[in-house]
Amino acid sequence: MHGSLNTRSMIFTIFGDYIRHYGNEIWMGSLISLMREFGHNEQSVRAAISRMYKQGWLKSRKKGNKSFYRLTERGVERMEEAGKRIFKLKPEEWDGKWRMFLYSIPEGKRSIREDVKTELGWSGFAPMSTSCWITPNDLGKQVDYLIEKYEIAPFVHYFTAAYNGPGDNKRIVEQCWNLDEINGRYAQFLSAYEEKFKLAKRRLENGTMANANCFVEKTMLVHEYRKFLFIDPGLPEGLLPDLWLGQEAAALFSSYYKLLAPYAAAFYESVSLKEIGELERTDTNILHHPFITE
């Protein structure tokens, strides 16, 4: 049972890893059946979906007495960005430039200020001072999205800059991010999932792991691994410490994900397609996921 897991957060995982590869739509009844595998009841699923709908992540349509839900454009964009970061196997090269986001949001918009800070942190920025956030990554697209979403164009500035001392670039990294702590979290992930991976491999080889187990395991794997989006800024290679476990964790995640994918997809299809009938089936499916077919 995984009942203690946040229902809304788990639904996001299922949308990102399954539903968006199957025509980006699911019948509420199918979602309730899938979520039951993690110990979530119908009431908690309906409440979470209602909240996601109100927050602008989902839209719905009715067909007869059935309600179907799909990601909004904003939801799809967020999943695309998250997917690129989750499935990235190695850090990018750095162009040597820093990006600075400065804001002065008036007191009347104080609630927006907190949301902006949360979004900046999620994208990979870190605060250098109260209202100056920096990143070595080119996040211009994410900044444009933030400015448009929160209507803060009059209150912000975005610069591309070079650091001219007195220290070096790694000193800035140390000031802004606690890489030891992030590395420690990667070490925990590796120690937990290396064992799970070996066990799943053995069970699949001797036929004792059902498709439903694979679905639960793979969803939990993505659910755990995507937490790194909130703590790891995805720094480029030149700014990482020598003993960085991020790549080792990415390689393990990739191997385990690919091992479980076909069986997990079979279970997902058996629930989501059986319950709405073949008429609703779309051409795309999880096995066309670029990460699996690479």
C-alpha atoms as a PDB file:
ATOM      1  CA  MET A   1       0.000   0.000   0.000  1.00  0.00           C
ATOM      2  CA  HIS A   2       1.221   3.470  -0.875  1.00  0.00           C
ATOM      3  CA  GLY A   3      -1.733   5.350   0.631  1.00  0.00           C
ATOM      4  CA  SER A   4       0.443   7.907   2.354  1.00  0.00           C
ATOM      5  CA  LEU A   5       1.610   9.280  -0.982  1.00  0.00           C
ATOM      6  CA  ASN A   6       0.141  12.582  -2.083  1.00  0.00           C
ATOM      7  CA  THR A   7      -2.756  11.720  -4.445  1.00  0.00           C
ATOM      8  CA  ARG A   8      -2.393  14.816  -6.623  1.00  0.00           C
ATOM      9  CA  SER A   9       1.354  14.326  -6.975  1.00  0.00           C
ATOM     10  CA  MET A  10       0.845  10.684  -8.003  1.00  0.00           C
ATOM     11  CA  ILE A  11      -1.770  11.702 -10.609  1.00  0.00           C
ATOM     12  CA  PHE A  12       0.781  14.148 -12.070  1.00  0.00           C
ATOM     13  CA  THR A  13       3.237  11.244 -12.365  1.00  0.00           C
ATOM     14  CA  ILE A  14       0.671   9.071 -14.178  1.00  0.00           C
ATOM     15  CA  PHE A  15      -0.255  11.923 -16.548  1.00  0.00           C
ATOM     16  CA  GLY A  16       3.399  12.593 -17.313  1.00  0.00           C
ATOM     17  CA  ASP A  17       4.506   9.016 -17.744  1.00  0.00           C
ATOM     18  CA  TYR A  18       1.441   7.356 -19.299  1.00  0.00           C
ATOM     19  CA  ILE A  19      -1.613   9.436 -20.172  1.00  0.00           C
ATOM     20  CA  ARG A  20       0.201  11.999 -22.324  1.00  0.00           C
ATOM     21  CA  HIS A  21       1.513   9.140 -24.501  1.00  0.00           C
ATOM     22  CA  TYR A  22      -2.013   7.791 -25.018  1.00  0.00           C
ATOM     23  CA  GLY A  23      -3.758  10.716 -26.650  1.00  0.00           C
ATOM     24  CA  ASN A  24      -3.336  12.814 -23.465  1.00  0.00           C
ATOM     25  CA  GLU A  25      -6.750  11.794 -22.111  1.00  0.00           C
ATOM     26  CA  ILE A  26      -8.181   9.392 -19.532  1.00  0.00           C
ATOM     27  CA  TRP A  27     -11.629   8.420 -18.315  1.00  0.00           C
ATOM     28  CA  MET A  28     -12.132   9.151 -14.617  1.00  0.00           C
ATOM     29  CA  GLY A  29     -13.155   5.521 -13.998  1.00  0.00           C
ATOM     30  CA  SER A  30      -9.855   4.242 -15.420  1.00  0.00           C
ATOM     31  CA  LEU A  31      -7.852   6.719 -13.341  1.00  0.00           C
ATOM     32  CA  ILE A  32      -9.677   5.599 -10.184  1.00  0.00           C
ATOM     33  CA  SER A  33      -8.844   1.943 -11.008  1.00  0.00           C
ATOM     34  CA  LEU A  34      -5.166   2.787 -11.611  1.00  0.00           C
ATOM     35  CA  MET A  35      -4.877   4.836  -8.430  1.00  0.00           C
ATOM     36  CA  ARG A  36      -6.384   1.979  -6.410  1.00  0.00           C
ATOM     37  CA  GLU A  37      -3.117   0.092  -7.076  1.00  0.00           C
ATOM     38  CA  PHE A  38      -1.373   2.636  -4.797  1.00  0.00           C
ATOM     39  CA  GLY A  39      -4.043   2.568  -2.085  1.00  0.00           C
ATOM     40  CA  HIS A  40      -5.880   5.754  -3.085  1.00  0.00           C
ATOM     41  CA  ASN A  41      -9.673   5.674  -2.875  1.00  0.00           C
ATOM     42  CA  GLU A  42     -12.208   7.174  -5.277  1.00  0.00           C
ATOM     43  CA  GLN A  43     -12.947  10.146  -3.043  1.00  0.00           C
ATOM     44  CA  SER A  44      -9.295  11.256  -2.818  1.00  0.00           C
ATOM     45  CA  VAL A  45      -8.838  10.864  -6.600  1.00  0.00           C
ATOM     46  CA  ARG A  46     -11.927  12.968  -7.371  1.00  0.00           C
ATOM     47  CA  ALA A  47     -10.822  15.656  -4.897  1.00  0.00           C
ATOM     48  CA  ALA A  48      -7.303  15.789  -6.412  1.00  0.00           C
ATOM     49  CA  ILE A  49      -8.653  15.963  -9.986  1.00  0.00           C
ATOM     50  CA  SER A  50     -11.018  18.775  -8.980  1.00  0.00           C
ATOM     51  CA  ARG A  51      -8.086  20.710  -7.499  1.00  0.00           C
ATOM     52  CA  MET A  52      -5.899  20.162 -10.575  1.00  0.00           C
ATOM     53  CA  TYR A  53      -8.805  21.319 -12.770  1.00  0.00           C
ATOM     54  CA  LYS A  54      -9.224  24.515 -10.715  1.00  0.00           C
ATOM     55  CA  GLN A  55      -5.471  25.172 -10.835  1.00  0.00           C
ATOM     56  CA  GLY A  56      -5.509  25.099 -14.642  1.00  0.00           C
ATOM     57  CA  TRP A  57      -3.570  21.842 -15.144  1.00  0.00           C
ATOM     58  CA  LEU A  58      -6.508  19.837 -16.547  1.00  0.00           C
ATOM     59  CA  LYS A  59      -9.577  20.296 -18.722  1.00  0.00           C
ATOM     60  CA  SER A  60     -12.513  17.903 -19.084  1.00  0.00           C
ATOM     61  CA  ARG A  61     -15.117  16.683 -21.538  1.00  0.00           C
ATOM     62  CA  LYS A  62     -18.217  14.553 -21.133  1.00  0.00           C
ATOM     63  CA  LYS A  63     -19.209  11.596 -23.303  1.00  0.00           C
ATOM     64  CA  GLY A  64     -22.574  10.247 -22.195  1.00  0.00           C
ATOM     65  CA  ASN A  65     -22.253   9.942 -18.438  1.00  0.00           C
ATOM     66  CA  LYS A  66     -18.470   9.553 -18.535  1.00  0.00           C
ATOM     67  CA  SER A  67     -16.014  12.336 -17.698  1.00  0.00           C
ATOM     68  CA  PHE A  68     -12.653  12.424 -19.491  1.00  0.00           C
ATOM     69  CA  TYR A  69      -9.680  14.530 -18.373  1.00  0.00           C
ATOM     70  CA  ARG A  70      -6.697  15.831 -20.309  1.00  0.00           C
ATOM     71  CA  LEU A  71      -3.764  18.139 -19.640  1.00  0.00           C
ATOM     72  CA  THR A  72      -4.212  21.784 -20.616  1.00  0.00           C
ATOM     73  CA  GLU A  73      -1.591  23.405 -22.838  1.00  0.00           C
ATOM     74  CA  ARG A  74       0.153  24.654 -19.710  1.00  0.00           C
ATOM     75  CA  GLY A  75       0.057  21.123 -18.262  1.00  0.00           C
ATOM     76  CA  VAL A  76       1.548  19.627 -21.436  1.00  0.00           C
ATOM     77  CA  GLU A  77       4.344  22.228 -21.471  1.00  0.00           C
ATOM     78  CA  ARG A  78       5.206  21.510 -17.831  1.00  0.00           C
ATOM     79  CA  MET A  79       5.266  17.742 -18.519  1.00  0.00           C
ATOM     80  CA  GLU A  80       7.464  18.242 -21.587  1.00  0.00           C
ATOM     81  CA  GLU A  81       9.962  20.291 -19.590  1.00  0.00           C
ATOM     82  CA  ALA A  82       9.918  17.809 -16.694  1.00  0.00           C
ATOM     83  CA  GLY A  83      10.295  14.879 -19.113  1.00  0.00           C
ATOM     84  CA  LYS A  84      13.352  16.406 -20.785  1.00  0.00           C
ATOM     85  CA  ARG A  85      15.014  16.885 -17.412  1.00  0.00           C
ATOM     86  CA  ILE A  86      14.020  13.507 -15.951  1.00  0.00           C
ATOM     87  CA  PHE A  87      15.260  11.526 -18.953  1.00  0.00           C
ATOM     88  CA  LYS A  88      18.478  13.476 -19.504  1.00  0.00           C
ATOM     89  CA  LEU A  89      21.329  11.007 -19.085  1.00  0.00           C
ATOM     90  CA  LYS A  90      24.252  13.402 -18.849  1.00  0.00           C
ATOM     91  CA  PRO A  91      24.831  17.083 -18.038  1.00  0.00           C
ATOM     92  CA  GLU A  92      25.065  19.618 -20.832  1.00  0.00           C
ATOM     93  CA  GLU A  93      28.190  21.599 -21.637  1.00  0.00           C
ATOM     94  CA  TRP A  94      28.324  25.091 -20.201  1.00  0.00           C
ATOM     95  CA  ASP A  95      28.595  28.211 -22.371  1.00  0.00           C
ATOM     96  CA  GLY A  96      30.358  30.050 -19.507  1.00  0.00           C
ATOM     97  CA  LYS A  97      27.523  32.523 -18.927  1.00  0.00           C
ATOM     98  CA  TRP A  98      25.259  33.125 -15.950  1.00  0.00           C
ATOM     99  CA  ARG A  99      21.599  34.152 -16.221  1.00  0.00           C
ATOM    100  CA  MET A 100      20.290  36.618 -13.659  1.00  0.00           C
ATOM    101  CA  PHE A 101      16.632  37.171 -12.860  1.00  0.00           C
ATOM    102  CA  LEU A 102      15.949  40.288 -10.794  1.00  0.00           C
ATOM    103  CA  TYR A 103      12.531  41.257  -9.509  1.00  0.00           C
ATOM    104  CA  SER A 104      10.887  43.927  -7.416  1.00  0.00           C
ATOM    105  CA  ILE A 105       7.301  42.775  -7.025  1.00  0.00           C
ATOM    106  CA  PRO A 106       5.132  45.285  -5.099  1.00  0.00           C
ATOM    107  CA  GLU A 107       3.577  44.480  -1.725  1.00  0.00           C
ATOM    108  CA  GLY A 108       0.106  44.272  -3.276  1.00  0.00           C
ATOM    109  CA  LYS A 109       1.247  41.240  -5.273  1.00  0.00           C
ATOM    110  CA  ARG A 110       2.959  39.482  -2.374  1.00  0.00           C
ATOM    111  CA  SER A 111       1.196  36.125  -2.961  1.00  0.00           C
ATOM    112  CA  ILE A 112       2.523  36.102  -6.540  1.00  0.00           C
ATOM    113  CA  ARG A 113       6.040  36.658  -5.204  1.00  0.00           C
ATOM    114  CA  GLU A 114       5.996  33.301  -3.390  1.00  0.00           C
ATOM    115  CA  ASP A 115       4.678  31.506  -6.490  1.00  0.00           C
ATOM    116  CA  VAL A 116       7.394  33.101  -8.635  1.00  0.00           C
ATOM    117  CA  LYS A 117      10.091  31.962  -6.179  1.00  0.00           C
ATOM    118  CA  THR A 118       8.718  28.405  -6.208  1.00  0.00           C
ATOM    119  CA  GLU A 119       8.691  28.337 -10.029  1.00  0.00           C
ATOM    120  CA  LEU A 120      12.219  29.781 -10.249  1.00  0.00           C
ATOM    121  CA  GLY A 121      13.500  27.112  -7.870  1.00  0.00           C
ATOM    122  CA  TRP A 122      11.765  24.348  -9.824  1.00  0.00           C
ATOM    123  CA  SER A 123      13.326  25.541 -13.093  1.00  0.00           C
ATOM    124  CA  GLY A 124      16.843  25.462 -11.610  1.00  0.00           C
ATOM    125  CA  PHE A 125      17.435  29.033 -10.415  1.00  0.00           C
ATOM    126  CA  ALA A 126      18.845  29.768  -6.938  1.00  0.00           C
ATOM    127  CA  PRO A 127      18.736  33.009  -4.932  1.00  0.00           C
ATOM    128  CA  MET A 128      21.998  34.930  -4.698  1.00  0.00           C
ATOM    129  CA  SER A 129      20.236  37.573  -2.645  1.00  0.00           C
ATOM    130  CA  THR A 130      16.576  38.170  -1.800  1.00  0.00           C
ATOM    131  CA  SER A 131      15.413  39.303  -5.228  1.00  0.00           C
ATOM    132  CA  CYS A 132      18.302  38.222  -7.470  1.00  0.00           C
ATOM    133  CA  TRP A 133      18.182  34.621  -8.701  1.00  0.00           C
ATOM    134  CA  ILE A 134      20.797  33.013 -10.935  1.00  0.00           C
ATOM    135  CA  THR A 135      21.403  29.921 -13.063  1.00  0.00           C
ATOM    136  CA  PRO A 136      24.140  28.796 -15.478  1.00  0.00           C
ATOM    137  CA  ASN A 137      21.478  27.273 -17.763  1.00  0.00           C
ATOM    138  CA  ASP A 138      19.721  29.069 -20.598  1.00  0.00           C
ATOM    139  CA  LEU A 139      16.217  29.287 -19.141  1.00  0.00           C
ATOM    140  CA  GLY A 140      14.945  32.178 -21.274  1.00  0.00           C
ATOM    141  CA  LYS A 141      11.863  30.214 -22.336  1.00  0.00           C
ATOM    142  CA  GLN A 142      10.910  29.459 -18.722  1.00  0.00           C
ATOM    143  CA  VAL A 143      11.441  33.119 -17.771  1.00  0.00           C
ATOM    144  CA  ASP A 144       9.154  34.272 -20.608  1.00  0.00           C
ATOM    145  CA  TYR A 145       6.518  31.812 -19.377  1.00  0.00           C
ATOM    146  CA  LEU A 146       6.795  33.136 -15.795  1.00  0.00           C
ATOM    147  CA  ILE A 147       6.529  36.763 -16.875  1.00  0.00           C
ATOM    148  CA  GLU A 148       3.461  36.038 -18.989  1.00  0.00           C
ATOM    149  CA  LYS A 149       1.756  33.754 -16.451  1.00  0.00           C
ATOM    150  CA  TYR A 150       2.100  36.115 -13.476  1.00  0.00           C
ATOM    151  CA  GLU A 151       1.916  39.358 -15.525  1.00  0.00           C
ATOM    152  CA  ILE A 152       5.075  40.750 -13.912  1.00  0.00           C
ATOM    153  CA  ALA A 153       6.818  42.341 -16.920  1.00  0.00           C
ATOM    154  CA  PRO A 154       7.005  45.810 -15.255  1.00  0.00           C
ATOM    155  CA  PHE A 155       8.727  44.379 -12.165  1.00  0.00           C
ATOM    156  CA  VAL A 156      11.482  42.109 -13.532  1.00  0.00           C
ATOM    157  CA  HIS A 157      14.785  42.147 -15.424  1.00  0.00           C
ATOM    158  CA  TYR A 158      16.643  39.215 -16.999  1.00  0.00           C
ATOM    159  CA  PHE A 159      20.369  39.401 -17.816  1.00  0.00           C
ATOM    160  CA  THR A 160      22.996  37.163 -19.352  1.00  0.00           C
ATOM    161  CA  ALA A 161      26.289  37.874 -17.577  1.00  0.00           C
ATOM    162  CA  ALA A 162      29.882  36.758 -17.105  1.00  0.00           C
ATOM    163  CA  TYR A 163      31.417  36.401 -13.656  1.00  0.00           C
ATOM    164  CA  ASN A 164      34.599  38.453 -13.238  1.00  0.00           C
ATOM    165  CA  GLY A 165      35.643  37.526  -9.717  1.00  0.00           C
ATOM    166  CA  PRO A 166      36.967  37.869  -7.099  1.00  0.00           C
ATOM    167  CA  GLY A 167      36.428  34.074  -6.750  1.00  0.00           C
ATOM    168  CA  ASP A 168      35.706  31.529  -9.470  1.00  0.00           C
ATOM    169  CA  ASN A 169      32.488  30.123 -10.884  1.00  0.00           C
ATOM    170  CA  LYS A 170      32.502  27.143  -8.536  1.00  0.00           C
ATOM    171  CA  ARG A 171      32.432  29.533  -5.596  1.00  0.00           C
ATOM    172  CA  ILE A 172      29.111  30.878  -6.880  1.00  0.00           C
ATOM    173  CA  VAL A 173      27.790  27.320  -7.151  1.00  0.00           C
ATOM    174  CA  GLU A 174      28.824  26.589  -3.542  1.00  0.00           C
ATOM    175  CA  GLN A 175      27.139  29.791  -2.383  1.00  0.00           C
ATOM    176  CA  CYS A 176      23.855  29.032  -4.159  1.00  0.00           C
ATOM    177  CA  TRP A 177      23.398  25.249  -3.979  1.00  0.00           C
ATOM    178  CA  ASN A 178      24.210  22.607  -1.382  1.00  0.00           C
ATOM    179  CA  LEU A 179      25.675  20.009  -3.743  1.00  0.00           C
ATOM    180  CA  ASP A 180      26.785  17.730  -0.885  1.00  0.00           C
ATOM    181  CA  GLU A 181      23.188  17.426   0.244  1.00  0.00           C
ATOM    182  CA  ILE A 182      21.961  16.717  -3.317  1.00  0.00           C
ATOM    183  CA  ASN A 183      24.734  14.142  -3.781  1.00  0.00           C
ATOM    184  CA  GLY A 184      23.638  12.516  -0.525  1.00  0.00           C
ATOM    185  CA  ARG A 185      20.096  12.189  -1.869  1.00  0.00           C
ATOM    186  CA  TYR A 186      21.472  10.545  -5.027  1.00  0.00           C
ATOM    187  CA  ALA A 187      23.432   8.106  -2.839  1.00  0.00           C
ATOM    188  CA  GLN A 188      20.200   7.185  -1.015  1.00  0.00           C
ATOM    189  CA  PHE A 189      18.390   6.685  -4.332  1.00  0.00           C
ATOM    190  CA  LEU A 190      21.182   4.427  -5.619  1.00  0.00           C
ATOM    191  CA  SER A 191      21.312   2.263  -2.508  1.00  0.00           C
ATOM    192  CA  ALA A 192      17.511   1.802  -2.489  1.00  0.00           C
ATOM    193  CA  TYR A 193      17.003   1.216  -6.197  1.00  0.00           C
ATOM    194  CA  GLU A 194      20.043  -0.918  -7.054  1.00  0.00           C
ATOM    195  CA  GLU A 195      18.499  -3.667  -4.905  1.00  0.00           C
ATOM    196  CA  LYS A 196      14.994  -3.153  -6.316  1.00  0.00           C
ATOM    197  CA  PHE A 197      16.380  -3.319  -9.867  1.00  0.00           C
ATOM    198  CA  LYS A 198      18.207  -6.630  -9.230  1.00  0.00           C
ATOM    199  CA  LEU A 199      15.146  -8.134  -7.548  1.00  0.00           C
ATOM    200  CA  ALA A 200      12.779  -7.053 -10.362  1.00  0.00           C
ATOM    201  CA  LYS A 201      15.167  -8.472 -12.960  1.00  0.00           C
ATOM    202  CA  ARG A 202      15.215 -11.859 -11.186  1.00  0.00           C
ATOM    203  CA  ARG A 203      11.439 -11.897 -10.735  1.00  0.00           C
ATOM    204  CA  LEU A 204      10.818 -11.048 -14.395  1.00  0.00           C
ATOM    205  CA  GLU A 205      13.263 -13.748 -15.499  1.00  0.00           C
ATOM    206  CA  ASN A 206      11.504 -16.412 -13.440  1.00  0.00           C
ATOM    207  CA  GLY A 207       8.003 -15.123 -14.223  1.00  0.00           C
ATOM    208  CA  THR A 208       6.950 -14.142 -10.703  1.00  0.00           C
ATOM    209  CA  MET A 209       6.351 -10.422 -11.302  1.00  0.00           C
ATOM    210  CA  ALA A 210       2.884  -9.539 -12.606  1.00  0.00           C
ATOM    211  CA  ASN A 211       2.240  -6.641 -14.989  1.00  0.00           C
ATOM    212  CA  ALA A 212       0.386  -4.824 -12.184  1.00  0.00           C
ATOM    213  CA  ASN A 213       3.521  -5.038 -10.003  1.00  0.00           C
ATOM    214  CA  CYS A 214       5.603  -3.622 -12.862  1.00  0.00           C
ATOM    215  CA  PHE A 215       3.148  -0.753 -13.271  1.00  0.00           C
ATOM    216  CA  VAL A 216       3.319   0.078  -9.550  1.00  0.00           C
ATOM    217  CA  GLU A 217       7.115  -0.272  -9.407  1.00  0.00           C
ATOM    218  CA  LYS A 218       7.752   1.843 -12.513  1.00  0.00           C
ATOM    219  CA  THR A 219       5.333   4.552 -11.401  1.00  0.00           C
ATOM    220  CA  MET A 220       6.983   4.647  -7.973  1.00  0.00           C
ATOM    221  CA  LEU A 221      10.415   4.788  -9.639  1.00  0.00           C
ATOM    222  CA  VAL A 222       9.425   7.855 -11.705  1.00  0.00           C
ATOM    223  CA  HIS A 223       7.620   9.359  -8.717  1.00  0.00           C
ATOM    224  CA  GLU A 224      10.752   9.101  -6.546  1.00  0.00           C
ATOM    225  CA  TYR A 225      13.202  10.137  -9.234  1.00  0.00           C
ATOM    226  CA  ARG A 226      11.225  13.196 -10.303  1.00  0.00           C
ATOM    227  CA  LYS A 227      11.710  14.636  -6.801  1.00  0.00           C
ATOM    228  CA  PHE A 228      15.221  15.529  -7.978  1.00  0.00           C
ATOM    229  CA  LEU A 229      13.590  18.155 -10.237  1.00  0.00           C
ATOM    230  CA  PHE A 230      12.884  20.137  -7.066  1.00  0.00           C
ATOM    231  CA  ILE A 231      16.386  19.907  -5.581  1.00  0.00           C
ATOM    232  CA  ASP A 232      18.879  19.366  -8.439  1.00  0.00           C
ATOM    233  CA  PRO A 233      19.279  22.470 -10.648  1.00  0.00           C
ATOM    234  CA  GLY A 234      20.773  20.368 -13.475  1.00  0.00           C
ATOM    235  CA  LEU A 235      24.114  22.168 -13.490  1.00  0.00           C
ATOM    236  CA  PRO A 236      26.320  21.816 -16.578  1.00  0.00           C
ATOM    237  CA  GLU A 237      29.363  19.554 -16.488  1.00  0.00           C
ATOM    238  CA  GLY A 238      32.026  22.201 -15.833  1.00  0.00           C
ATOM    239  CA  LEU A 239      30.368  23.277 -12.574  1.00  0.00           C
ATOM    240  CA  LEU A 240      29.811  19.858 -10.980  1.00  0.00           C
ATOM    241  CA  PRO A 241      32.072  18.351  -8.291  1.00  0.00           C
ATOM    242  CA  ASP A 242      34.398  15.493  -9.291  1.00  0.00           C
ATOM    243  CA  LEU A 243      32.506  12.809  -7.362  1.00  0.00           C
ATOM    244  CA  TRP A 244      29.002  13.551  -8.625  1.00  0.00           C
ATOM    245  CA  LEU A 245      26.461  10.715  -8.363  1.00  0.00           C
ATOM    246  CA  GLY A 246      23.821  12.318 -10.585  1.00  0.00           C
ATOM    247  CA  GLN A 247      24.939  10.484 -13.720  1.00  0.00           C
ATOM    248  CA  GLU A 248      25.141   7.118 -11.969  1.00  0.00           C
ATOM    249  CA  ALA A 249      21.597   7.660 -10.652  1.00  0.00           C
ATOM    250  CA  ALA A 250      20.409   8.642 -14.150  1.00  0.00           C
ATOM    251  CA  ALA A 251      21.924   5.465 -15.630  1.00  0.00           C
ATOM    252  CA  LEU A 252      20.245   3.253 -13.000  1.00  0.00           C
ATOM    253  CA  PHE A 253      16.926   5.050 -13.483  1.00  0.00           C
ATOM    254  CA  SER A 254      17.199   4.528 -17.259  1.00  0.00           C
ATOM    255  CA  SER A 255      17.970   0.791 -16.990  1.00  0.00           C
ATOM    256  CA  TYR A 256      15.236   0.102 -14.463  1.00  0.00           C
ATOM    257  CA  TYR A 257      12.685   2.177 -16.393  1.00  0.00           C
ATOM    258  CA  LYS A 258      13.371   0.301 -19.645  1.00  0.00           C
ATOM    259  CA  LEU A 259      13.210  -3.072 -17.875  1.00  0.00           C
ATOM    260  CA  LEU A 260       9.709  -2.413 -16.496  1.00  0.00           C
ATOM    261  CA  ALA A 261       8.258  -0.337 -19.364  1.00  0.00           C
ATOM    262  CA  PRO A 262       6.687  -3.046 -21.613  1.00  0.00           C
ATOM    263  CA  TYR A 263       4.974  -4.838 -18.696  1.00  0.00           C
ATOM    264  CA  ALA A 264       3.832  -1.590 -17.068  1.00  0.00           C
ATOM    265  CA  ALA A 265       2.422  -0.382 -20.398  1.00  0.00           C
ATOM    266  CA  ALA A 266       0.533  -3.679 -20.857  1.00  0.00           C
ATOM    267  CA  PHE A 267      -1.115  -3.223 -17.453  1.00  0.00           C
ATOM    268  CA  TYR A 268      -1.918   0.451 -18.101  1.00  0.00           C
ATOM    269  CA  GLU A 269      -3.549  -0.485 -21.430  1.00  0.00           C
ATOM    270  CA  SER A 270      -5.489  -3.375 -19.876  1.00  0.00           C
ATOM    271  CA  VAL A 271      -7.133  -0.912 -17.468  1.00  0.00           C
ATOM    272  CA  SER A 272      -7.456   2.291 -19.492  1.00  0.00           C
ATOM    273  CA  LEU A 273      -8.446   0.749 -22.839  1.00  0.00           C
ATOM    274  CA  LYS A 274     -10.652  -2.067 -21.556  1.00  0.00           C
ATOM    275  CA  GLU A 275     -12.796   0.324 -19.558  1.00  0.00           C
ATOM    276  CA  ILE A 276     -13.493   2.811 -22.347  1.00  0.00           C
ATOM    277  CA  GLY A 277     -13.476   0.369 -25.239  1.00  0.00           C
ATOM    278  CA  GLU A 278     -11.335   0.207 -28.342  1.00  0.00           C
ATOM    279  CA  LEU A 279     -13.214   3.141 -29.914  1.00  0.00           C
ATOM    280  CA  GLU A 280     -11.310   5.566 -27.711  1.00  0.00           C
ATOM    281  CA  ARG A 281      -7.909   4.068 -28.453  1.00  0.00           C
ATOM    282  CA  THR A 282      -5.367   6.465 -29.957  1.00  0.00           C
ATOM    283  CA  ASP A 283      -2.394   5.678 -32.178  1.00  0.00           C
ATOM    284  CA  THR A 284       0.238   6.700 -29.673  1.00  0.00           C
ATOM    285  CA  ASN A 285       1.342   4.654 -26.715  1.00  0.00           C
ATOM    286  CA  ILE A 286       3.971   4.488 -24.025  1.00  0.00           C
ATOM    287  CA  LEU A 287       6.290   2.244 -26.042  1.00  0.00           C
ATOM    288  CA  HIS A 288       6.720   5.108 -28.510  1.00  0.00           C
ATOM    289  CA  HIS A 289       8.238   7.086 -25.632  1.00  0.00           C
ATOM    290  CA  PRO A 290      11.485   8.532 -27.096  1.00  0.00           C
ATOM    291  CA  PHE A 291      13.343   7.451 -23.978  1.00  0.00           C
ATOM    292  CA  ILE A 292      12.522   3.770 -24.619  1.00  0.00           C
ATOM    293  CA  THR A 293      13.058   3.778 -28.375  1.00  0.00           C
ATOM    294  CA  GLU A 294      16.417   5.574 -28.324  1.00  0.00           C
END
